[in-house]
Amino acid sequence: MAFPRLNNVSFLLLAPSLILLLASSLVENGVGTGWTVYPPLSGIQSHSGGAVDLAIFSLHLAGISSMLGKIMCLA
């Protein structure tokens, strides 16, 4: 394994990502975006609160974890 610490950071980012995703369903009325994570911004029913922010940040953490894992595989 070329970068063991990078692999560890990649793995450790998955837990906060999952926790944030689960927390987003408990905040307010939930995410309310569907499987596309694209909130209906044009209607009155849009979810503009913290739930969508938590879900989007969770996706960012999961993406960073995936990129770090890929960097480790390329080396």
N, C-alpha and C. Protein backbone atom coordinates (compact mmCIF):
# COMPACT_ATOMS: atom_id res chain seq x y z
N MET A 1 0.85 -1.17 0.00
CA MET A 1 0.00 0.00 0.00
C MET A 1 0.89 1.23 0.00
N ALA A 2 0.68 2.10 -0.95
CA ALA A 2 1.56 3.26 -1.12
C ALA A 2 1.33 4.32 -0.04
N PHE A 3 0.09 4.66 0.24
CA PHE A 3 -0.22 5.73 1.20
C PHE A 3 -1.20 5.22 2.25
N PRO A 4 -0.71 4.58 3.30
CA PRO A 4 -1.65 4.02 4.29
C PRO A 4 -2.44 5.09 5.05
N ARG A 5 -1.82 6.24 5.32
CA ARG A 5 -2.55 7.30 6.04
C ARG A 5 -3.65 7.89 5.17
N LEU A 6 -3.40 8.00 3.89
CA LEU A 6 -4.42 8.50 2.97
C LEU A 6 -5.59 7.52 2.90
N ASN A 7 -5.28 6.25 2.93
CA ASN A 7 -6.34 5.23 2.95
C ASN A 7 -7.15 5.34 4.23
N ASN A 8 -6.48 5.61 5.36
CA ASN A 8 -7.16 5.74 6.63
C ASN A 8 -8.08 6.96 6.64
N VAL A 9 -7.60 8.09 6.13
CA VAL A 9 -8.43 9.30 6.06
C VAL A 9 -9.63 9.07 5.15
N SER A 10 -9.39 8.38 4.04
CA SER A 10 -10.48 8.08 3.12
C SER A 10 -11.56 7.25 3.80
N PHE A 11 -11.14 6.27 4.59
CA PHE A 11 -12.10 5.42 5.30
C PHE A 11 -12.81 6.18 6.41
N LEU A 12 -12.06 7.02 7.14
CA LEU A 12 -12.64 7.74 8.28
C LEU A 12 -13.62 8.83 7.85
N LEU A 13 -13.56 9.29 6.61
CA LEU A 13 -14.51 10.30 6.14
C LEU A 13 -15.88 9.71 5.84
N LEU A 14 -15.96 8.39 5.71
CA LEU A 14 -17.24 7.77 5.39
C LEU A 14 -18.21 7.82 6.57
N ALA A 15 -17.70 7.67 7.79
CA ALA A 15 -18.58 7.69 8.97
C ALA A 15 -19.25 9.06 9.17
N PRO A 16 -18.51 10.19 9.13
CA PRO A 16 -19.19 11.48 9.24
C PRO A 16 -20.17 11.74 8.10
N SER A 17 -19.83 11.22 6.93
CA SER A 17 -20.73 11.39 5.79
C SER A 17 -22.06 10.68 6.04
N LEU A 18 -21.99 9.47 6.55
CA LEU A 18 -23.21 8.71 6.85
C LEU A 18 -23.99 9.37 7.98
N ILE A 19 -23.29 9.84 9.00
CA ILE A 19 -23.97 10.50 10.13
C ILE A 19 -24.68 11.77 9.68
N LEU A 20 -24.03 12.55 8.82
CA LEU A 20 -24.67 13.76 8.32
C LEU A 20 -25.88 13.44 7.44
N LEU A 21 -25.78 12.38 6.65
CA LEU A 21 -26.90 12.00 5.82
C LEU A 21 -28.09 11.55 6.65
N LEU A 22 -27.82 10.79 7.71
CA LEU A 22 -28.90 10.36 8.60
C LEU A 22 -29.46 11.53 9.39
N ALA A 23 -28.59 12.45 9.80
CA ALA A 23 -29.05 13.63 10.55
C ALA A 23 -29.91 14.54 9.68
N SER A 24 -29.63 14.56 8.39
CA SER A 24 -30.42 15.42 7.50
C SER A 24 -31.87 14.95 7.41
N SER A 25 -32.11 13.67 7.64
CA SER A 25 -33.49 13.19 7.61
C SER A 25 -34.24 13.53 8.89
N LEU A 26 -33.50 13.85 9.95
CA LEU A 26 -34.13 14.18 11.22
C LEU A 26 -34.35 15.68 11.42
N VAL A 27 -33.64 16.50 10.67
CA VAL A 27 -33.76 17.96 10.79
C VAL A 27 -35.00 18.42 10.04
N GLU A 28 -35.78 19.28 10.67
CA GLU A 28 -36.98 19.85 10.08
C GLU A 28 -37.90 18.75 9.54
N ASN A 29 -38.26 18.81 8.27
CA ASN A 29 -39.15 17.80 7.68
C ASN A 29 -38.39 16.79 6.83
N GLY A 30 -37.09 16.74 6.96
CA GLY A 30 -36.28 15.86 6.13
C GLY A 30 -35.78 16.59 4.91
N VAL A 31 -35.06 15.87 4.09
CA VAL A 31 -34.43 16.50 2.93
C VAL A 31 -35.46 16.86 1.87
N GLY A 32 -36.34 15.96 1.52
CA GLY A 32 -37.40 16.24 0.57
C GLY A 32 -36.93 16.49 -0.85
N THR A 33 -35.81 15.87 -1.24
CA THR A 33 -35.28 16.12 -2.58
C THR A 33 -35.45 14.95 -3.52
N GLY A 34 -35.73 13.77 -3.01
CA GLY A 34 -35.83 12.59 -3.87
C GLY A 34 -34.45 12.00 -4.11
N TRP A 35 -34.37 11.02 -4.97
CA TRP A 35 -33.10 10.33 -5.19
C TRP A 35 -32.12 11.15 -6.00
N THR A 36 -32.57 12.21 -6.67
CA THR A 36 -31.66 13.04 -7.46
C THR A 36 -30.96 14.10 -6.62
N VAL A 37 -31.41 14.32 -5.39
CA VAL A 37 -30.90 15.36 -4.50
C VAL A 37 -30.98 16.72 -5.20
N TYR A 38 -32.06 16.92 -5.92
CA TYR A 38 -32.32 18.19 -6.58
C TYR A 38 -33.63 18.73 -6.01
N PRO A 39 -33.55 19.68 -5.09
CA PRO A 39 -34.77 20.15 -4.43
C PRO A 39 -35.66 20.93 -5.38
N PRO A 40 -36.95 20.83 -5.22
CA PRO A 40 -37.86 21.62 -6.07
C PRO A 40 -37.82 23.08 -5.66
N LEU A 41 -36.97 23.84 -6.29
CA LEU A 41 -36.76 25.23 -5.90
C LEU A 41 -37.83 26.17 -6.42
N SER A 42 -38.60 25.75 -7.40
CA SER A 42 -39.55 26.66 -8.01
C SER A 42 -40.88 26.71 -7.28
N GLY A 43 -41.15 25.74 -6.43
CA GLY A 43 -42.44 25.71 -5.76
C GLY A 43 -42.38 26.18 -4.33
N ILE A 44 -43.54 26.34 -3.74
CA ILE A 44 -43.63 26.77 -2.35
C ILE A 44 -43.18 25.67 -1.40
N GLN A 45 -43.18 24.43 -1.87
CA GLN A 45 -42.84 23.30 -1.04
C GLN A 45 -41.34 23.04 -0.95
N SER A 46 -40.51 23.95 -1.43
CA SER A 46 -39.08 23.71 -1.42
C SER A 46 -38.54 23.64 0.00
N HIS A 47 -37.53 22.83 0.18
CA HIS A 47 -36.90 22.66 1.48
C HIS A 47 -35.61 23.46 1.46
N SER A 48 -35.65 24.66 1.97
CA SER A 48 -34.46 25.51 1.92
C SER A 48 -33.74 25.55 3.25
N GLY A 49 -34.04 24.65 4.15
CA GLY A 49 -33.46 24.70 5.48
C GLY A 49 -32.16 23.93 5.59
N GLY A 50 -31.85 23.57 6.82
CA GLY A 50 -30.59 22.90 7.10
C GLY A 50 -30.53 21.46 6.65
N ALA A 51 -31.67 20.82 6.41
CA ALA A 51 -31.66 19.42 6.01
C ALA A 51 -30.98 19.23 4.66
N VAL A 52 -31.29 20.09 3.71
CA VAL A 52 -30.67 19.99 2.39
C VAL A 52 -29.19 20.32 2.49
N ASP A 53 -28.82 21.29 3.34
CA ASP A 53 -27.41 21.62 3.52
C ASP A 53 -26.63 20.44 4.08
N LEU A 54 -27.20 19.75 5.06
CA LEU A 54 -26.52 18.59 5.62
C LEU A 54 -26.37 17.47 4.59
N ALA A 55 -27.41 17.26 3.79
CA ALA A 55 -27.34 16.21 2.77
C ALA A 55 -26.28 16.53 1.71
N ILE A 56 -26.22 17.78 1.29
CA ILE A 56 -25.23 18.16 0.28
C ILE A 56 -23.82 18.07 0.84
N PHE A 57 -23.62 18.50 2.09
CA PHE A 57 -22.30 18.39 2.70
C PHE A 57 -21.91 16.93 2.88
N SER A 58 -22.89 16.07 3.17
CA SER A 58 -22.63 14.64 3.27
C SER A 58 -22.15 14.08 1.94
N LEU A 59 -22.77 14.50 0.86
CA LEU A 59 -22.34 14.05 -0.47
C LEU A 59 -20.94 14.55 -0.80
N HIS A 60 -20.62 15.76 -0.36
CA HIS A 60 -19.27 16.28 -0.59
C HIS A 60 -18.23 15.45 0.16
N LEU A 61 -18.52 15.11 1.41
CA LEU A 61 -17.58 14.28 2.17
C LEU A 61 -17.40 12.91 1.55
N ALA A 62 -18.48 12.31 1.08
CA ALA A 62 -18.39 11.00 0.43
C ALA A 62 -17.58 11.10 -0.87
N GLY A 63 -17.75 12.18 -1.60
CA GLY A 63 -16.98 12.38 -2.83
C GLY A 63 -15.50 12.57 -2.56
N ILE A 64 -15.17 13.33 -1.52
CA ILE A 64 -13.76 13.52 -1.16
C ILE A 64 -13.15 12.19 -0.73
N SER A 65 -13.91 11.40 0.02
CA SER A 65 -13.43 10.09 0.44
C SER A 65 -13.16 9.20 -0.78
N SER A 66 -14.04 9.25 -1.74
CA SER A 66 -13.86 8.45 -2.95
C SER A 66 -12.63 8.91 -3.74
N MET A 67 -12.43 10.21 -3.83
CA MET A 67 -11.26 10.72 -4.57
C MET A 67 -9.96 10.36 -3.88
N LEU A 68 -9.94 10.43 -2.54
CA LEU A 68 -8.72 10.04 -1.81
C LEU A 68 -8.44 8.56 -2.01
N GLY A 69 -9.48 7.75 -2.03
CA GLY A 69 -9.29 6.32 -2.27
C GLY A 69 -8.74 6.05 -3.68
N LYS A 70 -9.21 6.81 -4.62
CA LYS A 70 -8.73 6.63 -6.00
C LYS A 70 -7.29 7.08 -6.15
N ILE A 71 -6.91 8.16 -5.47
CA ILE A 71 -5.52 8.62 -5.51
C ILE A 71 -4.61 7.53 -4.95
N MET A 72 -5.08 6.87 -3.89
CA MET A 72 -4.28 5.82 -3.30
C MET A 72 -4.10 4.65 -4.27
N CYS A 73 -5.13 4.36 -5.05
CA CYS A 73 -5.03 3.24 -6.00
C CYS A 73 -4.15 3.55 -7.19
N LEU A 74 -4.06 4.82 -7.56
CA LEU A 74 -3.26 5.20 -8.72
C LEU A 74 -1.78 5.20 -8.42
N ALA A 75 -1.41 5.35 -7.16
CA ALA A 75 0.01 5.45 -6.81
C ALA A 75 0.68 4.09 -6.80
